[in-house]
């Protein structure tokens, strides 16, 4: 639902409830932040990387956008994965230079059932649990992080928060009205529901690579 349609719907509800013209209620006060999440700088980066790896994510830190494409290629080679990428049409990824990779097929758009590797961008990261926050938009289709067996997510360091509360506030400030969906991803998909045996990739990707990018500007 677009922001305009949501505003019209809320206006009709206020009218029917006799609250037309009423002020929007203030946001609730923020809750307490866990002590573990109250870190900044390199301590926050170290916490995020440690927690993400603890839940099965692979994390590589790169200096800038110019290193993203080569890091993806190294990952494909290391895991012997097909050299076919479906990439979110986000400006950051369009500036990363995937087209320069030799013998790699690159397509921009949403993912299909046969795409082996999806590449997208996180809107925030939560250091306290190593979690990625992905908000849906035309530039970042949701299926990129769910349909392919291998998910690669770019996380700018500037979007790394200590706690969930801070990431929610970041989403509110960035989008204004709520996006269609906000997904929290903590590690690759797994389940032990069948015979208490751990199975990877049951409900989504079996591999998750997080590229933590220190700098977004080209040198």
N, C-alpha and C. Protein backbone atom coordinates (compact mmCIF):
# COMPACT_ATOMS: atom_id res chain seq x y z
N UNK A 1 0.84 -1.19 0.00
CA UNK A 1 0.00 0.00 0.00
C UNK A 1 0.88 1.24 0.00
N UNK A 2 0.61 2.17 -0.90
CA UNK A 2 1.40 3.38 -0.98
C UNK A 2 1.12 4.28 0.22
N UNK A 3 2.02 5.24 0.45
CA UNK A 3 1.83 6.18 1.55
C UNK A 3 0.57 7.00 1.41
N UNK A 4 0.24 7.38 0.15
CA UNK A 4 -0.96 8.19 -0.10
C UNK A 4 -2.23 7.40 0.21
N UNK A 5 -2.27 6.13 -0.23
CA UNK A 5 -3.46 5.30 0.03
C UNK A 5 -3.61 5.05 1.53
N UNK A 6 -2.47 4.82 2.22
CA UNK A 6 -2.54 4.61 3.66
C UNK A 6 -3.07 5.84 4.38
N UNK A 7 -2.64 7.03 3.93
CA UNK A 7 -3.11 8.26 4.56
C UNK A 7 -4.62 8.43 4.37
N UNK A 8 -5.11 8.10 3.15
CA UNK A 8 -6.56 8.20 2.91
C UNK A 8 -7.33 7.22 3.78
N UNK A 9 -6.80 6.00 3.92
CA UNK A 9 -7.48 4.99 4.74
C UNK A 9 -7.55 5.44 6.19
N UNK A 10 -6.45 5.95 6.72
CA UNK A 10 -6.44 6.41 8.11
C UNK A 10 -7.38 7.60 8.30
N UNK A 11 -7.46 8.48 7.29
CA UNK A 11 -8.37 9.63 7.38
C UNK A 11 -9.82 9.16 7.46
N UNK A 12 -10.19 8.14 6.65
CA UNK A 12 -11.57 7.62 6.69
C UNK A 12 -11.86 6.98 8.05
N UNK A 13 -10.88 6.26 8.59
CA UNK A 13 -11.10 5.64 9.90
C UNK A 13 -11.30 6.71 10.98
N UNK A 14 -10.49 7.76 10.94
CA UNK A 14 -10.66 8.83 11.94
C UNK A 14 -12.03 9.50 11.80
N UNK A 15 -12.50 9.66 10.54
CA UNK A 15 -13.80 10.28 10.32
C UNK A 15 -14.91 9.43 10.90
N UNK A 16 -14.86 8.12 10.67
CA UNK A 16 -15.90 7.23 11.18
C UNK A 16 -15.88 7.14 12.70
N UNK A 17 -14.72 7.30 13.28
CA UNK A 17 -14.61 7.24 14.74
C UNK A 17 -14.87 8.59 15.39
N UNK A 18 -15.19 9.59 14.58
CA UNK A 18 -15.45 10.91 15.14
C UNK A 18 -14.19 11.62 15.59
N UNK A 19 -13.07 11.27 15.01
CA UNK A 19 -11.81 11.88 15.43
C UNK A 19 -11.18 12.69 14.31
N UNK A 20 -12.00 13.13 13.37
CA UNK A 20 -11.47 13.87 12.24
C UNK A 20 -10.81 15.15 12.73
N UNK A 21 -9.60 15.39 12.25
CA UNK A 21 -8.87 16.58 12.66
C UNK A 21 -8.09 16.41 13.95
N UNK A 22 -8.24 15.24 14.59
CA UNK A 22 -7.51 15.03 15.84
C UNK A 22 -6.02 14.89 15.57
N UNK A 23 -5.24 15.33 16.49
CA UNK A 23 -3.80 15.23 16.34
C UNK A 23 -3.34 13.78 16.44
N UNK A 24 -2.27 13.47 15.72
CA UNK A 24 -1.70 12.14 15.80
C UNK A 24 -1.12 11.92 17.20
N UNK A 25 -1.46 10.80 17.84
CA UNK A 25 -0.94 10.58 19.19
C UNK A 25 0.59 10.49 19.18
N UNK A 26 1.22 10.96 20.21
CA UNK A 26 2.69 10.91 20.24
C UNK A 26 3.20 9.48 20.29
N UNK A 27 4.40 9.30 19.76
CA UNK A 27 5.01 7.98 19.80
C UNK A 27 5.33 7.61 21.25
N UNK A 28 5.23 6.33 21.58
CA UNK A 28 5.56 5.92 22.95
C UNK A 28 7.03 6.18 23.26
N UNK A 29 7.36 6.39 24.50
CA UNK A 29 8.76 6.64 24.85
C UNK A 29 9.60 5.40 24.56
N UNK A 30 10.87 5.59 24.21
CA UNK A 30 11.72 4.43 23.90
C UNK A 30 11.94 3.55 25.13
N UNK A 31 12.03 2.26 24.90
CA UNK A 31 12.27 1.33 25.99
C UNK A 31 13.74 1.28 26.36
N UNK A 32 14.06 0.52 27.39
CA UNK A 32 15.46 0.41 27.82
C UNK A 32 16.29 -0.33 26.78
N UNK A 33 17.52 0.11 26.57
CA UNK A 33 18.44 -0.52 25.63
C UNK A 33 19.31 -1.52 26.39
N UNK A 34 19.40 -2.78 25.94
CA UNK A 34 20.25 -3.76 26.63
C UNK A 34 21.69 -3.26 26.71
N UNK A 35 22.36 -3.61 27.79
CA UNK A 35 23.74 -3.16 27.99
C UNK A 35 24.64 -3.61 26.85
N UNK A 36 24.41 -4.82 26.33
CA UNK A 36 25.27 -5.34 25.26
C UNK A 36 25.20 -4.47 24.02
N UNK A 37 24.05 -3.82 23.79
CA UNK A 37 23.87 -3.03 22.58
C UNK A 37 24.40 -1.60 22.73
N UNK A 38 24.81 -1.21 23.91
CA UNK A 38 25.26 0.15 24.13
C UNK A 38 26.75 0.29 23.81
N UNK A 39 27.06 0.09 22.54
CA UNK A 39 28.44 0.18 22.07
C UNK A 39 28.46 1.05 20.83
N UNK A 40 29.63 1.59 20.51
CA UNK A 40 29.76 2.46 19.35
C UNK A 40 31.10 2.20 18.68
N UNK A 41 31.26 2.76 17.49
CA UNK A 41 32.53 2.67 16.80
C UNK A 41 32.94 1.24 16.47
N UNK A 42 34.23 0.95 16.64
CA UNK A 42 34.75 -0.37 16.32
C UNK A 42 34.18 -1.45 17.23
N UNK A 43 33.82 -1.08 18.45
CA UNK A 43 33.21 -2.08 19.35
C UNK A 43 31.86 -2.54 18.80
N UNK A 44 31.11 -1.64 18.19
CA UNK A 44 29.83 -2.02 17.59
C UNK A 44 30.05 -2.93 16.39
N UNK A 45 31.04 -2.59 15.56
CA UNK A 45 31.35 -3.43 14.40
C UNK A 45 31.76 -4.82 14.85
N UNK A 46 32.63 -4.91 15.84
CA UNK A 46 33.10 -6.20 16.33
C UNK A 46 31.96 -7.03 16.90
N UNK A 47 31.05 -6.38 17.63
CA UNK A 47 29.90 -7.10 18.20
C UNK A 47 29.01 -7.65 17.08
N UNK A 48 28.72 -6.82 16.09
CA UNK A 48 27.88 -7.28 14.99
C UNK A 48 28.51 -8.48 14.29
N UNK A 49 29.78 -8.40 13.96
CA UNK A 49 30.43 -9.49 13.24
C UNK A 49 30.45 -10.76 14.07
N UNK A 50 30.70 -10.64 15.38
CA UNK A 50 30.74 -11.82 16.24
C UNK A 50 29.36 -12.47 16.35
N UNK A 51 28.32 -11.66 16.53
CA UNK A 51 26.99 -12.22 16.68
C UNK A 51 26.48 -12.79 15.35
N UNK A 52 26.78 -12.14 14.24
CA UNK A 52 26.34 -12.66 12.94
C UNK A 52 27.00 -14.00 12.64
N UNK A 53 28.28 -14.12 12.90
CA UNK A 53 28.98 -15.38 12.65
C UNK A 53 28.49 -16.48 13.59
N UNK A 54 28.07 -16.11 14.79
CA UNK A 54 27.59 -17.10 15.75
C UNK A 54 26.31 -17.79 15.28
N UNK A 55 25.55 -17.13 14.39
CA UNK A 55 24.31 -17.74 13.89
C UNK A 55 24.46 -18.25 12.46
N UNK A 56 25.70 -18.39 12.00
CA UNK A 56 25.94 -19.04 10.72
C UNK A 56 26.13 -18.12 9.54
N UNK A 57 26.08 -16.81 9.74
CA UNK A 57 26.34 -15.88 8.64
C UNK A 57 27.84 -15.81 8.38
N UNK A 58 28.20 -15.57 7.14
CA UNK A 58 29.57 -15.24 6.81
C UNK A 58 29.65 -13.73 6.64
N UNK A 59 30.70 -13.13 7.20
CA UNK A 59 30.82 -11.68 7.18
C UNK A 59 32.18 -11.31 6.63
N UNK A 60 32.18 -10.41 5.64
CA UNK A 60 33.43 -9.86 5.12
C UNK A 60 33.34 -8.35 5.16
N UNK A 61 34.37 -7.74 5.69
CA UNK A 61 34.41 -6.29 5.77
C UNK A 61 35.25 -5.75 4.61
N UNK A 62 34.68 -4.80 3.87
CA UNK A 62 35.39 -4.22 2.74
C UNK A 62 35.48 -2.71 2.94
N UNK A 63 36.50 -2.12 2.33
CA UNK A 63 36.76 -0.69 2.55
C UNK A 63 35.73 0.19 1.87
N UNK A 64 35.30 -0.18 0.65
CA UNK A 64 34.38 0.67 -0.08
C UNK A 64 33.65 -0.08 -1.17
N UNK A 65 32.78 0.65 -1.88
CA UNK A 65 31.98 0.04 -2.94
C UNK A 65 32.84 -0.59 -4.03
N UNK A 66 34.03 -0.03 -4.26
CA UNK A 66 34.88 -0.54 -5.33
C UNK A 66 35.37 -1.95 -5.06
N UNK A 67 35.23 -2.45 -3.81
CA UNK A 67 35.69 -3.79 -3.46
C UNK A 67 34.55 -4.80 -3.41
N UNK A 68 33.31 -4.35 -3.55
CA UNK A 68 32.16 -5.24 -3.37
C UNK A 68 32.11 -6.32 -4.45
N UNK A 69 32.24 -5.95 -5.72
CA UNK A 69 32.11 -6.92 -6.81
C UNK A 69 33.17 -8.01 -6.71
N UNK A 70 34.41 -7.64 -6.44
CA UNK A 70 35.47 -8.64 -6.34
C UNK A 70 35.26 -9.54 -5.12
N UNK A 71 34.70 -9.01 -4.03
CA UNK A 71 34.41 -9.83 -2.85
C UNK A 71 33.33 -10.86 -3.18
N UNK A 72 32.33 -10.46 -3.95
CA UNK A 72 31.29 -11.39 -4.36
C UNK A 72 31.87 -12.49 -5.24
N UNK A 73 32.74 -12.13 -6.17
CA UNK A 73 33.35 -13.12 -7.05
C UNK A 73 34.19 -14.13 -6.26
N UNK A 74 34.94 -13.66 -5.28
CA UNK A 74 35.72 -14.57 -4.42
C UNK A 74 34.80 -15.55 -3.71
N UNK A 75 33.68 -15.06 -3.24
CA UNK A 75 32.73 -15.91 -2.52
C UNK A 75 32.15 -16.98 -3.45
N UNK A 76 31.80 -16.60 -4.66
CA UNK A 76 31.27 -17.57 -5.62
C UNK A 76 32.30 -18.66 -5.91
N UNK A 77 33.55 -18.27 -6.08
CA UNK A 77 34.59 -19.24 -6.38
C UNK A 77 34.86 -20.15 -5.18
N UNK A 78 34.89 -19.57 -3.98
CA UNK A 78 35.20 -20.37 -2.78
C UNK A 78 34.16 -21.46 -2.57
N UNK A 79 32.89 -21.14 -2.81
CA UNK A 79 31.81 -22.12 -2.60
C UNK A 79 31.43 -22.86 -3.87
N UNK A 80 32.18 -22.62 -4.94
CA UNK A 80 31.91 -23.29 -6.23
C UNK A 80 30.45 -23.08 -6.65
N UNK A 81 30.00 -21.83 -6.61
CA UNK A 81 28.62 -21.48 -6.93
C UNK A 81 28.51 -21.04 -8.39
N UNK A 82 27.31 -21.18 -8.98
CA UNK A 82 27.12 -20.69 -10.35
C UNK A 82 27.40 -19.19 -10.43
N UNK A 83 28.00 -18.78 -11.50
CA UNK A 83 28.35 -17.36 -11.68
C UNK A 83 27.18 -16.63 -12.35
N UNK A 84 26.06 -16.66 -11.65
CA UNK A 84 24.86 -15.96 -12.08
C UNK A 84 24.29 -15.18 -10.90
N UNK A 85 24.13 -13.89 -11.07
CA UNK A 85 23.66 -13.03 -10.00
C UNK A 85 22.38 -12.32 -10.41
N UNK A 86 21.41 -12.27 -9.50
CA UNK A 86 20.30 -11.34 -9.65
C UNK A 86 20.48 -10.29 -8.56
N UNK A 87 20.54 -9.04 -8.99
CA UNK A 87 20.98 -7.94 -8.13
C UNK A 87 19.85 -6.92 -7.98
N UNK A 88 19.66 -6.43 -6.76
CA UNK A 88 18.66 -5.39 -6.53
C UNK A 88 19.03 -4.13 -7.31
N UNK A 89 18.04 -3.48 -7.95
CA UNK A 89 18.31 -2.26 -8.69
C UNK A 89 18.48 -1.05 -7.79
N UNK A 90 19.24 -1.22 -6.74
CA UNK A 90 19.53 -0.15 -5.79
C UNK A 90 20.73 0.65 -6.31
N UNK A 91 20.72 1.97 -6.18
CA UNK A 91 21.84 2.77 -6.68
C UNK A 91 23.20 2.34 -6.14
N UNK A 92 23.26 1.88 -4.89
CA UNK A 92 24.54 1.44 -4.34
C UNK A 92 25.09 0.24 -5.11
N UNK A 93 24.22 -0.72 -5.42
CA UNK A 93 24.68 -1.91 -6.13
C UNK A 93 24.94 -1.62 -7.60
N UNK A 94 24.19 -0.69 -8.17
CA UNK A 94 24.43 -0.32 -9.56
C UNK A 94 25.77 0.38 -9.71
N UNK A 95 26.27 0.97 -8.62
CA UNK A 95 27.57 1.65 -8.65
C UNK A 95 28.72 0.72 -8.28
N UNK A 96 28.41 -0.53 -7.96
CA UNK A 96 29.45 -1.44 -7.48
C UNK A 96 30.27 -2.09 -8.59
N UNK A 97 29.83 -2.00 -9.84
CA UNK A 97 30.62 -2.49 -10.96
C UNK A 97 30.54 -3.98 -11.21
N UNK A 98 29.39 -4.59 -10.98
CA UNK A 98 29.25 -6.03 -11.23
C UNK A 98 29.45 -6.37 -12.71
N UNK A 99 29.12 -5.44 -13.59
CA UNK A 99 29.23 -5.72 -15.02
C UNK A 99 30.68 -5.95 -15.45
N UNK A 100 31.63 -5.50 -14.64
CA UNK A 100 33.04 -5.67 -14.99
C UNK A 100 33.57 -7.05 -14.64
N UNK A 101 32.79 -7.87 -13.95
CA UNK A 101 33.24 -9.20 -13.58
C UNK A 101 33.23 -10.12 -14.80
N UNK A 102 34.37 -10.72 -15.06
CA UNK A 102 34.48 -11.60 -16.22
C UNK A 102 33.70 -12.90 -16.00
N UNK A 103 32.97 -13.31 -17.03
CA UNK A 103 32.25 -14.60 -17.05
C UNK A 103 31.20 -14.71 -15.96
N UNK A 104 30.67 -13.57 -15.49
CA UNK A 104 29.59 -13.57 -14.51
C UNK A 104 28.35 -12.95 -15.15
N UNK A 105 27.26 -13.70 -15.13
CA UNK A 105 25.99 -13.21 -15.67
C UNK A 105 25.28 -12.39 -14.60
N UNK A 106 24.96 -11.14 -14.91
CA UNK A 106 24.34 -10.23 -13.95
C UNK A 106 23.01 -9.74 -14.49
N UNK A 107 21.99 -9.83 -13.66
CA UNK A 107 20.67 -9.31 -14.01
C UNK A 107 20.14 -8.49 -12.85
N UNK A 108 19.58 -7.31 -13.13
CA UNK A 108 18.99 -6.47 -12.10
C UNK A 108 17.48 -6.67 -12.06
N UNK A 109 16.94 -6.81 -10.86
CA UNK A 109 15.50 -7.00 -10.71
C UNK A 109 15.20 -7.88 -9.52
N UNK A 110 14.02 -8.49 -9.52
CA UNK A 110 13.64 -9.37 -8.43
C UNK A 110 14.06 -10.80 -8.75
N UNK A 111 14.03 -11.67 -7.74
CA UNK A 111 14.51 -13.04 -7.90
C UNK A 111 13.40 -13.96 -8.37
N UNK A 112 13.81 -14.96 -9.15
CA UNK A 112 12.92 -16.04 -9.55
C UNK A 112 13.35 -17.34 -8.90
N UNK A 113 12.56 -18.38 -9.10
CA UNK A 113 12.82 -19.66 -8.44
C UNK A 113 14.13 -20.29 -8.88
N UNK A 114 14.63 -19.96 -10.06
CA UNK A 114 15.83 -20.59 -10.59
C UNK A 114 17.10 -19.76 -10.37
N UNK A 115 16.99 -18.63 -9.71
CA UNK A 115 18.17 -17.80 -9.47
C UNK A 115 18.98 -18.37 -8.31
N UNK A 116 20.28 -18.68 -8.52
CA UNK A 116 21.06 -19.30 -7.45
C UNK A 116 21.59 -18.32 -6.41
N UNK A 117 21.84 -17.07 -6.82
CA UNK A 117 22.47 -16.10 -5.91
C UNK A 117 21.76 -14.75 -6.03
N UNK A 118 21.30 -14.23 -4.91
CA UNK A 118 20.66 -12.91 -4.88
C UNK A 118 21.51 -11.93 -4.11
N UNK A 119 21.56 -10.69 -4.60
CA UNK A 119 22.35 -9.64 -3.96
C UNK A 119 21.45 -8.45 -3.69
N UNK A 120 21.42 -7.99 -2.45
CA UNK A 120 20.58 -6.86 -2.09
C UNK A 120 21.27 -6.00 -1.03
N UNK A 121 20.56 -4.99 -0.53
CA UNK A 121 21.12 -4.02 0.41
C UNK A 121 20.25 -3.98 1.66
N UNK A 122 20.88 -3.95 2.83
CA UNK A 122 20.15 -3.83 4.09
C UNK A 122 19.90 -2.36 4.41
N UNK A 123 18.75 -2.10 5.01
CA UNK A 123 18.43 -0.75 5.45
C UNK A 123 19.00 -0.46 6.83
N UNK A 124 19.33 -1.51 7.57
CA UNK A 124 19.94 -1.35 8.89
C UNK A 124 20.52 -2.68 9.33
N UNK A 125 21.38 -2.62 10.32
CA UNK A 125 21.93 -3.81 10.95
C UNK A 125 21.87 -3.65 12.45
N UNK A 126 21.60 -4.73 13.17
CA UNK A 126 21.47 -4.71 14.63
C UNK A 126 22.64 -5.46 15.24
N UNK A 127 23.51 -4.73 15.92
CA UNK A 127 24.73 -5.34 16.45
C UNK A 127 24.45 -6.33 17.57
N UNK A 128 23.44 -6.09 18.38
CA UNK A 128 23.23 -6.94 19.56
C UNK A 128 22.93 -8.39 19.21
N UNK A 129 22.41 -8.64 17.98
CA UNK A 129 22.10 -10.01 17.59
C UNK A 129 22.68 -10.39 16.23
N UNK A 130 23.41 -9.49 15.57
CA UNK A 130 23.93 -9.79 14.24
C UNK A 130 22.84 -9.89 13.19
N UNK A 131 21.81 -9.07 13.33
CA UNK A 131 20.61 -9.14 12.50
C UNK A 131 20.63 -8.08 11.40
N UNK A 132 20.11 -8.45 10.22
CA UNK A 132 19.91 -7.53 9.12
C UNK A 132 18.46 -7.07 9.09
N UNK A 133 18.23 -5.80 8.75
CA UNK A 133 16.89 -5.26 8.62
C UNK A 133 16.70 -4.85 7.17
N UNK A 134 15.72 -5.48 6.50
CA UNK A 134 15.47 -5.23 5.09
C UNK A 134 14.03 -4.73 4.93
N UNK A 135 13.89 -3.52 4.44
CA UNK A 135 12.58 -2.96 4.15
C UNK A 135 12.30 -3.05 2.66
N UNK A 136 11.12 -3.49 2.30
CA UNK A 136 10.80 -3.69 0.89
C UNK A 136 10.62 -2.35 0.19
N UNK A 137 11.03 -2.32 -1.07
CA UNK A 137 10.85 -1.15 -1.93
C UNK A 137 11.11 -1.58 -3.36
N UNK A 138 10.74 -0.77 -4.36
CA UNK A 138 11.03 -1.15 -5.74
C UNK A 138 12.53 -1.36 -5.99
N UNK A 139 13.38 -0.63 -5.26
CA UNK A 139 14.82 -0.77 -5.44
C UNK A 139 15.40 -1.97 -4.70
N UNK A 140 14.64 -2.54 -3.76
CA UNK A 140 15.14 -3.67 -2.97
C UNK A 140 14.01 -4.70 -2.82
N UNK A 141 13.72 -5.47 -3.89
CA UNK A 141 12.63 -6.46 -3.83
C UNK A 141 12.87 -7.49 -2.72
N UNK A 142 11.83 -7.81 -1.99
CA UNK A 142 11.94 -8.71 -0.85
C UNK A 142 12.44 -10.10 -1.23
N UNK A 143 12.00 -10.62 -2.37
CA UNK A 143 12.33 -11.99 -2.75
C UNK A 143 13.82 -12.23 -2.95
N UNK A 144 14.60 -11.17 -3.16
CA UNK A 144 16.04 -11.35 -3.35
C UNK A 144 16.70 -11.99 -2.13
N UNK A 145 16.15 -11.77 -0.96
CA UNK A 145 16.74 -12.31 0.26
C UNK A 145 16.12 -13.63 0.68
N UNK A 146 15.18 -14.18 -0.11
CA UNK A 146 14.47 -15.38 0.30
C UNK A 146 14.49 -16.51 -0.73
N UNK A 147 14.35 -16.20 -2.02
CA UNK A 147 14.24 -17.26 -3.01
C UNK A 147 15.58 -17.93 -3.35
N UNK A 148 16.66 -17.21 -3.65
CA UNK A 148 17.92 -17.87 -4.01
C UNK A 148 18.49 -18.66 -2.83
N UNK A 149 19.19 -19.75 -3.14
CA UNK A 149 19.83 -20.55 -2.08
C UNK A 149 20.94 -19.78 -1.39
N UNK A 150 21.54 -18.85 -2.10
CA UNK A 150 22.62 -18.04 -1.53
C UNK A 150 22.21 -16.58 -1.54
N UNK A 151 22.27 -15.95 -0.37
CA UNK A 151 21.90 -14.54 -0.24
C UNK A 151 23.14 -13.74 0.14
N UNK A 152 23.39 -12.67 -0.61
CA UNK A 152 24.48 -11.75 -0.31
C UNK A 152 23.87 -10.39 -0.03
N UNK A 153 24.18 -9.83 1.13
CA UNK A 153 23.56 -8.57 1.54
C UNK A 153 24.64 -7.55 1.86
N UNK A 154 24.56 -6.42 1.22
CA UNK A 154 25.47 -5.32 1.49
C UNK A 154 24.93 -4.50 2.66
N UNK A 155 25.77 -4.26 3.66
CA UNK A 155 25.37 -3.45 4.82
C UNK A 155 26.36 -2.30 4.99
N UNK A 156 25.97 -1.07 4.65
CA UNK A 156 26.85 0.07 4.91
C UNK A 156 27.08 0.24 6.41
N UNK A 157 28.32 0.48 6.77
CA UNK A 157 28.63 0.64 8.20
C UNK A 157 27.83 1.79 8.82
N UNK A 158 27.53 2.81 8.03
CA UNK A 158 26.77 3.95 8.55
C UNK A 158 25.36 3.55 8.99
N UNK A 159 24.87 2.40 8.53
CA UNK A 159 23.53 1.93 8.91
C UNK A 159 23.56 0.90 10.02
N UNK A 160 24.69 0.71 10.65
CA UNK A 160 24.81 -0.29 11.72
C UNK A 160 24.44 0.34 13.05
N UNK A 161 23.43 -0.22 13.70
CA UNK A 161 22.94 0.27 14.98
C UNK A 161 23.29 -0.72 16.08
N UNK A 162 23.21 -0.24 17.31
CA UNK A 162 23.48 -1.12 18.43
C UNK A 162 22.30 -2.02 18.77
N UNK A 163 21.08 -1.46 18.70
CA UNK A 163 19.90 -2.17 19.19
C UNK A 163 18.78 -2.17 18.17
N UNK A 164 17.75 -3.01 18.42
CA UNK A 164 16.57 -3.04 17.59
C UNK A 164 15.84 -1.70 17.62
N UNK A 165 15.78 -1.09 18.81
CA UNK A 165 15.08 0.19 18.94
C UNK A 165 15.67 1.25 18.02
N UNK A 166 16.99 1.28 17.93
CA UNK A 166 17.65 2.27 17.07
C UNK A 166 17.38 1.98 15.59
N UNK A 167 17.36 0.71 15.22
CA UNK A 167 17.08 0.37 13.83
C UNK A 167 15.64 0.71 13.45
N UNK A 168 14.69 0.47 14.37
CA UNK A 168 13.31 0.84 14.08
C UNK A 168 13.20 2.35 13.88
N UNK A 169 13.90 3.11 14.71
CA UNK A 169 13.87 4.57 14.55
C UNK A 169 14.47 4.98 13.22
N UNK A 170 15.52 4.30 12.80
CA UNK A 170 16.13 4.58 11.49
C UNK A 170 15.12 4.33 10.36
N UNK A 171 14.38 3.23 10.44
CA UNK A 171 13.38 2.92 9.42
C UNK A 171 12.28 3.99 9.40
N UNK A 172 11.83 4.41 10.58
CA UNK A 172 10.80 5.45 10.64
C UNK A 172 11.28 6.74 9.99
N UNK A 173 12.50 7.13 10.30
CA UNK A 173 13.02 8.40 9.77
C UNK A 173 13.28 8.31 8.27
N UNK A 174 13.66 7.15 7.78
CA UNK A 174 13.99 7.02 6.36
C UNK A 174 12.74 6.96 5.49
N UNK A 175 11.71 6.26 5.95
CA UNK A 175 10.55 6.02 5.10
C UNK A 175 9.35 6.89 5.44
N UNK A 176 9.28 7.41 6.65
CA UNK A 176 8.10 8.18 7.04
C UNK A 176 6.94 7.25 7.30
N UNK A 177 6.16 6.95 6.24
CA UNK A 177 5.09 5.96 6.37
C UNK A 177 5.71 4.57 6.32
N UNK A 178 5.09 3.58 6.95
CA UNK A 178 5.68 2.24 6.99
C UNK A 178 5.80 1.64 5.60
N UNK A 179 6.92 0.98 5.28
CA UNK A 179 7.01 0.26 4.01
C UNK A 179 6.10 -0.96 4.03
N UNK A 180 5.94 -1.59 2.87
CA UNK A 180 5.04 -2.74 2.76
C UNK A 180 5.44 -3.85 3.70
N UNK A 181 6.73 -4.09 3.85
CA UNK A 181 7.19 -5.11 4.80
C UNK A 181 8.57 -4.73 5.31
N UNK A 182 8.84 -5.13 6.54
CA UNK A 182 10.15 -4.99 7.15
C UNK A 182 10.56 -6.37 7.65
N UNK A 183 11.69 -6.88 7.16
CA UNK A 183 12.12 -8.23 7.49
C UNK A 183 13.39 -8.19 8.32
N UNK A 184 13.40 -8.96 9.39
CA UNK A 184 14.58 -9.10 10.24
C UNK A 184 15.19 -10.48 9.96
N UNK A 185 16.44 -10.49 9.54
CA UNK A 185 17.10 -11.73 9.14
C UNK A 185 18.31 -11.96 10.03
N UNK A 186 18.28 -13.04 10.78
CA UNK A 186 19.38 -13.39 11.67
C UNK A 186 19.93 -14.74 11.24
N UNK A 187 20.95 -14.71 10.39
CA UNK A 187 21.58 -15.93 9.91
C UNK A 187 20.81 -16.57 8.77
N UNK A 188 21.39 -17.58 8.13
CA UNK A 188 20.70 -18.31 7.06
C UNK A 188 19.52 -19.11 7.61
N UNK A 189 18.64 -19.50 6.71
CA UNK A 189 17.45 -20.26 7.11
C UNK A 189 17.84 -21.63 7.65
N UNK A 190 17.16 -22.04 8.73
CA UNK A 190 17.42 -23.36 9.31
C UNK A 190 16.20 -23.82 10.09
N UNK A 191 16.11 -25.14 10.28
CA UNK A 191 15.04 -25.70 11.10
C UNK A 191 15.51 -27.04 11.65
N UNK A 192 14.99 -27.41 12.80
CA UNK A 192 15.23 -28.74 13.37
C UNK A 192 13.89 -29.41 13.69
N UNK A 193 12.83 -28.99 12.98
CA UNK A 193 11.49 -29.52 13.24
C UNK A 193 11.35 -30.98 12.84
N UNK A 194 12.14 -31.41 11.84
CA UNK A 194 11.98 -32.77 11.32
C UNK A 194 13.03 -33.68 11.97
N UNK A 195 12.59 -34.52 12.87
CA UNK A 195 13.49 -35.47 13.52
C UNK A 195 14.58 -34.82 14.35
N UNK A 196 14.38 -33.55 14.74
CA UNK A 196 15.35 -32.82 15.55
C UNK A 196 16.74 -32.76 14.89
N UNK A 197 16.76 -32.83 13.57
CA UNK A 197 18.01 -32.74 12.83
C UNK A 197 18.07 -31.37 12.15
N UNK A 198 19.19 -30.68 12.34
CA UNK A 198 19.33 -29.35 11.78
C UNK A 198 19.41 -29.42 10.26
N UNK A 199 18.52 -28.68 9.60
CA UNK A 199 18.48 -28.62 8.15
C UNK A 199 18.63 -27.16 7.72
N UNK A 200 19.59 -26.88 6.86
CA UNK A 200 19.82 -25.52 6.39
C UNK A 200 19.00 -25.28 5.12
N UNK A 201 18.54 -24.05 4.98
CA UNK A 201 17.82 -23.66 3.77
C UNK A 201 16.40 -24.16 3.69
N UNK A 202 15.78 -24.46 4.82
CA UNK A 202 14.43 -25.02 4.79
C UNK A 202 13.39 -24.00 4.34
N UNK A 203 13.52 -22.76 4.77
CA UNK A 203 12.52 -21.74 4.48
C UNK A 203 13.13 -20.53 3.78
N UNK A 204 14.34 -20.66 3.29
CA UNK A 204 15.02 -19.54 2.66
C UNK A 204 16.44 -19.94 2.32
N UNK A 205 17.35 -18.96 2.17
CA UNK A 205 18.72 -19.26 1.76
C UNK A 205 19.46 -20.15 2.77
N UNK A 206 20.29 -21.04 2.24
CA UNK A 206 21.13 -21.86 3.11
C UNK A 206 22.48 -21.21 3.38
N UNK A 207 22.80 -20.17 2.61
CA UNK A 207 24.05 -19.42 2.83
C UNK A 207 23.71 -17.94 2.90
N UNK A 208 24.40 -17.23 3.79
CA UNK A 208 24.22 -15.78 3.90
C UNK A 208 25.58 -15.13 4.07
N UNK A 209 25.93 -14.28 3.10
CA UNK A 209 27.15 -13.49 3.18
C UNK A 209 26.77 -12.04 3.41
N UNK A 210 27.33 -11.43 4.45
CA UNK A 210 27.13 -10.02 4.73
C UNK A 210 28.41 -9.27 4.37
N UNK A 211 28.28 -8.31 3.47
CA UNK A 211 29.41 -7.45 3.11
C UNK A 211 29.26 -6.13 3.86
N UNK A 212 30.07 -5.95 4.88
CA UNK A 212 30.03 -4.74 5.69
C UNK A 212 30.95 -3.70 5.04
N UNK A 213 30.36 -2.63 4.52
CA UNK A 213 31.10 -1.65 3.72
C UNK A 213 31.39 -0.42 4.56
N UNK A 214 32.67 -0.15 4.77
CA UNK A 214 33.07 0.99 5.60
C UNK A 214 32.74 2.33 4.96
N UNK A 215 32.95 2.44 3.65
CA UNK A 215 32.84 3.74 2.97
C UNK A 215 32.02 3.56 1.70
N UNK A 216 31.05 4.46 1.48
CA UNK A 216 30.20 4.37 0.31
C UNK A 216 30.70 5.23 -0.85
N UNK A 217 31.50 6.26 -0.57
CA UNK A 217 32.00 7.12 -1.64
C UNK A 217 33.18 6.45 -2.34
N UNK A 218 33.26 6.65 -3.64
CA UNK A 218 34.41 6.16 -4.38
C UNK A 218 35.64 7.00 -4.05
N UNK A 219 36.84 6.36 -3.98
CA UNK A 219 38.03 7.14 -3.66
C UNK A 219 38.39 8.10 -4.79
